């Protein structure tokens, strides 16, 4: 989890489905803070999306270099001694 300490808060108005708000309230109970829940959920979502973007870039690099990497692996395997 990512926590930001001391960040400035900006009021934003959002519209949520009634059933979603009911589920939030059920999950949090009376002591819950909707804003905190939505903020943490959004932080988690953005972190996951950023990771997906990094993973996609890494995969693209691997795919672009796959032929060379596979050739190197075959070369290394050719030096193995049978047991």
N, C-alpha and C. Protein backbone atom coordinates (compact mmCIF):
# COMPACT_ATOMS: atom_id res chain seq x y z
N UNK A 1 0.83 -1.18 0.00
CA UNK A 1 0.00 0.00 0.00
C UNK A 1 0.87 1.24 0.00
N UNK A 2 0.37 2.27 -0.63
CA UNK A 2 1.07 3.53 -0.69
C UNK A 2 0.32 4.54 0.17
N UNK A 3 1.02 5.19 1.06
CA UNK A 3 0.40 6.22 1.89
C UNK A 3 1.12 7.53 1.65
N UNK A 4 0.37 8.59 1.50
CA UNK A 4 0.94 9.91 1.30
C UNK A 4 0.66 10.73 2.55
N UNK A 5 1.71 11.24 3.15
CA UNK A 5 1.58 12.00 4.38
C UNK A 5 1.74 13.48 4.05
N UNK A 6 0.82 14.27 4.55
CA UNK A 6 0.94 15.70 4.40
C UNK A 6 0.55 16.23 3.03
N UNK A 7 -0.12 15.42 2.22
CA UNK A 7 -0.53 15.93 0.91
C UNK A 7 -1.76 16.82 1.07
N UNK A 8 -1.81 17.84 0.23
CA UNK A 8 -2.93 18.76 0.27
C UNK A 8 -4.20 18.06 -0.21
N UNK A 9 -5.29 18.32 0.45
CA UNK A 9 -6.57 17.74 0.08
C UNK A 9 -7.33 18.74 -0.79
N UNK A 10 -7.96 18.23 -1.82
CA UNK A 10 -8.79 19.04 -2.70
C UNK A 10 -10.18 18.42 -2.71
N UNK A 11 -11.17 19.22 -2.50
CA UNK A 11 -12.54 18.71 -2.49
C UNK A 11 -12.96 18.43 -3.93
N UNK A 12 -13.49 17.22 -4.15
CA UNK A 12 -13.97 16.82 -5.47
C UNK A 12 -15.34 16.20 -5.30
N UNK A 13 -16.24 16.55 -6.15
CA UNK A 13 -17.58 16.00 -6.09
C UNK A 13 -17.67 14.86 -7.11
N UNK A 14 -18.12 13.69 -6.64
CA UNK A 14 -18.30 12.55 -7.53
C UNK A 14 -19.70 11.98 -7.32
N UNK A 15 -20.18 11.31 -8.31
CA UNK A 15 -21.49 10.67 -8.23
C UNK A 15 -21.28 9.17 -8.29
N UNK A 16 -21.83 8.47 -7.31
CA UNK A 16 -21.69 7.01 -7.23
C UNK A 16 -23.07 6.37 -7.25
N UNK A 17 -23.10 5.15 -7.71
CA UNK A 17 -24.34 4.38 -7.70
C UNK A 17 -24.78 4.14 -6.26
N UNK A 18 -26.09 4.16 -6.06
CA UNK A 18 -26.63 3.97 -4.73
C UNK A 18 -26.21 2.63 -4.13
N UNK A 19 -26.21 1.57 -4.95
CA UNK A 19 -25.82 0.26 -4.44
C UNK A 19 -24.36 0.24 -4.03
N UNK A 20 -23.52 0.98 -4.73
CA UNK A 20 -22.10 1.04 -4.37
C UNK A 20 -21.91 1.74 -3.03
N UNK A 21 -22.64 2.82 -2.82
CA UNK A 21 -22.56 3.54 -1.55
C UNK A 21 -23.05 2.65 -0.41
N UNK A 22 -24.12 1.91 -0.64
CA UNK A 22 -24.61 0.98 0.39
C UNK A 22 -23.54 -0.06 0.74
N UNK A 23 -22.88 -0.61 -0.29
CA UNK A 23 -21.83 -1.60 -0.05
C UNK A 23 -20.66 -0.98 0.73
N UNK A 24 -20.30 0.26 0.37
CA UNK A 24 -19.23 0.95 1.11
C UNK A 24 -19.61 1.09 2.58
N UNK A 25 -20.82 1.57 2.82
CA UNK A 25 -21.27 1.79 4.19
C UNK A 25 -21.34 0.48 4.97
N UNK A 26 -21.78 -0.58 4.31
CA UNK A 26 -21.85 -1.89 4.96
C UNK A 26 -20.44 -2.37 5.34
N UNK A 27 -19.51 -2.16 4.44
CA UNK A 27 -18.13 -2.58 4.67
C UNK A 27 -17.48 -1.80 5.81
N UNK A 28 -17.73 -0.50 5.85
CA UNK A 28 -17.06 0.37 6.81
C UNK A 28 -17.73 0.43 8.17
N UNK A 29 -19.04 0.25 8.21
CA UNK A 29 -19.75 0.41 9.47
C UNK A 29 -19.94 1.88 9.79
N UNK A 30 -20.38 2.15 11.00
CA UNK A 30 -20.69 3.53 11.40
C UNK A 30 -19.45 4.41 11.51
N UNK A 31 -18.34 3.84 11.84
CA UNK A 31 -17.13 4.65 12.07
C UNK A 31 -16.34 4.91 10.79
N UNK A 32 -16.87 4.48 9.66
CA UNK A 32 -16.14 4.60 8.40
C UNK A 32 -16.09 6.00 7.85
N UNK A 33 -15.13 6.21 7.00
CA UNK A 33 -14.93 7.49 6.34
C UNK A 33 -14.95 7.22 4.84
N UNK A 34 -16.04 7.60 4.19
CA UNK A 34 -16.18 7.34 2.75
C UNK A 34 -15.03 7.93 1.95
N UNK A 35 -14.67 9.16 2.27
CA UNK A 35 -13.60 9.82 1.51
C UNK A 35 -12.30 9.05 1.61
N UNK A 36 -11.97 8.59 2.81
CA UNK A 36 -10.74 7.83 3.00
C UNK A 36 -10.78 6.52 2.22
N UNK A 37 -11.95 5.86 2.24
CA UNK A 37 -12.08 4.60 1.51
C UNK A 37 -11.92 4.82 0.00
N UNK A 38 -12.61 5.84 -0.53
CA UNK A 38 -12.52 6.12 -1.95
C UNK A 38 -11.09 6.53 -2.32
N UNK A 39 -10.46 7.34 -1.49
CA UNK A 39 -9.09 7.77 -1.77
C UNK A 39 -8.14 6.58 -1.81
N UNK A 40 -8.23 5.68 -0.82
CA UNK A 40 -7.33 4.53 -0.80
C UNK A 40 -7.61 3.59 -1.97
N UNK A 41 -8.89 3.40 -2.29
CA UNK A 41 -9.25 2.54 -3.42
C UNK A 41 -8.68 3.12 -4.72
N UNK A 42 -8.77 4.42 -4.88
CA UNK A 42 -8.25 5.07 -6.08
C UNK A 42 -6.73 4.98 -6.13
N UNK A 43 -6.07 5.16 -4.99
CA UNK A 43 -4.60 5.02 -4.95
C UNK A 43 -4.19 3.59 -5.36
N UNK A 44 -4.89 2.60 -4.81
CA UNK A 44 -4.59 1.21 -5.14
C UNK A 44 -4.82 0.95 -6.62
N UNK A 45 -5.91 1.47 -7.17
CA UNK A 45 -6.22 1.29 -8.58
C UNK A 45 -5.15 1.93 -9.46
N UNK A 46 -4.76 3.16 -9.13
CA UNK A 46 -3.74 3.85 -9.92
C UNK A 46 -2.39 3.14 -9.84
N UNK A 47 -2.05 2.63 -8.66
CA UNK A 47 -0.80 1.87 -8.51
C UNK A 47 -0.84 0.60 -9.36
N UNK A 48 -1.99 -0.08 -9.37
CA UNK A 48 -2.13 -1.30 -10.18
C UNK A 48 -2.04 -0.98 -11.66
N UNK A 49 -2.66 0.12 -12.09
CA UNK A 49 -2.59 0.52 -13.50
C UNK A 49 -1.16 0.87 -13.89
N UNK A 50 -0.45 1.58 -13.02
CA UNK A 50 0.94 1.93 -13.30
C UNK A 50 1.79 0.67 -13.43
N UNK A 51 1.53 -0.33 -12.58
CA UNK A 51 2.25 -1.60 -12.66
C UNK A 51 1.94 -2.31 -13.97
N UNK A 52 0.67 -2.28 -14.39
CA UNK A 52 0.29 -2.90 -15.67
C UNK A 52 1.03 -2.24 -16.83
N UNK A 53 1.17 -0.94 -16.78
CA UNK A 53 1.89 -0.22 -17.84
C UNK A 53 3.36 -0.62 -17.85
N UNK A 54 3.97 -0.69 -16.66
CA UNK A 54 5.38 -1.13 -16.58
C UNK A 54 5.53 -2.55 -17.08
N UNK A 55 4.61 -3.44 -16.68
CA UNK A 55 4.67 -4.83 -17.13
C UNK A 55 4.53 -4.94 -18.65
N UNK A 56 3.63 -4.14 -19.22
CA UNK A 56 3.44 -4.16 -20.67
C UNK A 56 4.70 -3.69 -21.39
N UNK A 57 5.35 -2.67 -20.85
CA UNK A 57 6.60 -2.18 -21.45
C UNK A 57 7.69 -3.24 -21.36
N UNK A 58 7.78 -3.90 -20.21
CA UNK A 58 8.78 -4.96 -20.04
C UNK A 58 8.51 -6.11 -21.02
N UNK A 59 7.25 -6.49 -21.16
CA UNK A 59 6.90 -7.56 -22.08
C UNK A 59 7.23 -7.19 -23.51
N UNK A 60 6.98 -5.94 -23.86
CA UNK A 60 7.28 -5.47 -25.21
C UNK A 60 8.79 -5.56 -25.48
N UNK A 61 9.59 -5.19 -24.49
CA UNK A 61 11.05 -5.28 -24.62
C UNK A 61 11.47 -6.73 -24.78
N UNK A 62 10.93 -7.62 -23.93
CA UNK A 62 11.26 -9.04 -24.03
C UNK A 62 10.86 -9.62 -25.38
N UNK A 63 9.68 -9.27 -25.84
CA UNK A 63 9.22 -9.77 -27.13
C UNK A 63 10.09 -9.26 -28.27
N UNK A 64 10.50 -8.01 -28.17
CA UNK A 64 11.34 -7.43 -29.20
C UNK A 64 12.71 -8.11 -29.26
N UNK A 65 13.17 -8.58 -28.11
CA UNK A 65 14.50 -9.18 -28.03
C UNK A 65 14.44 -10.70 -27.87
N UNK A 66 13.28 -11.28 -28.04
CA UNK A 66 13.09 -12.71 -27.78
C UNK A 66 14.01 -13.58 -28.63
N UNK A 67 14.14 -13.26 -29.90
CA UNK A 67 14.97 -14.09 -30.78
C UNK A 67 16.41 -14.14 -30.28
N UNK A 68 16.96 -12.99 -29.93
CA UNK A 68 18.35 -12.94 -29.44
C UNK A 68 18.47 -13.67 -28.11
N UNK A 69 17.50 -13.45 -27.20
CA UNK A 69 17.55 -14.10 -25.89
C UNK A 69 17.43 -15.62 -26.02
N UNK A 70 16.55 -16.08 -26.91
CA UNK A 70 16.40 -17.52 -27.12
C UNK A 70 17.67 -18.12 -27.71
N UNK A 71 18.30 -17.40 -28.62
CA UNK A 71 19.54 -17.88 -29.22
C UNK A 71 20.64 -18.00 -28.17
N UNK A 72 20.73 -17.01 -27.28
CA UNK A 72 21.71 -17.06 -26.20
C UNK A 72 21.43 -18.24 -25.26
N UNK A 73 20.18 -18.48 -24.96
CA UNK A 73 19.81 -19.60 -24.09
C UNK A 73 20.18 -20.93 -24.72
N UNK A 74 19.93 -21.07 -26.01
CA UNK A 74 20.30 -22.30 -26.70
C UNK A 74 21.81 -22.51 -26.67
N UNK A 75 22.56 -21.42 -26.81
CA UNK A 75 24.02 -21.51 -26.76
C UNK A 75 24.48 -21.99 -25.39
N UNK A 76 23.92 -21.43 -24.35
CA UNK A 76 24.28 -21.83 -22.98
C UNK A 76 23.93 -23.29 -22.74
N UNK A 77 22.74 -23.69 -23.19
CA UNK A 77 22.32 -25.08 -22.99
C UNK A 77 23.21 -26.06 -23.75
N UNK A 78 23.82 -25.63 -24.82
CA UNK A 78 24.69 -26.54 -25.59
C UNK A 78 25.95 -26.90 -24.82
N UNK A 79 26.30 -26.13 -23.81
CA UNK A 79 27.48 -26.42 -23.00
C UNK A 79 27.20 -27.35 -21.83
N UNK A 80 25.94 -27.67 -21.58
CA UNK A 80 25.61 -28.54 -20.46
C UNK A 80 26.08 -29.97 -20.72
N UNK A 81 26.52 -30.58 -19.66
CA UNK A 81 26.98 -31.97 -19.74
C UNK A 81 25.84 -32.87 -19.30
N UNK A 82 25.63 -33.96 -20.06
CA UNK A 82 24.59 -34.89 -19.68
C UNK A 82 25.02 -35.65 -18.44
N UNK A 83 24.08 -35.86 -17.55
CA UNK A 83 24.37 -36.60 -16.31
C UNK A 83 23.93 -38.02 -16.41
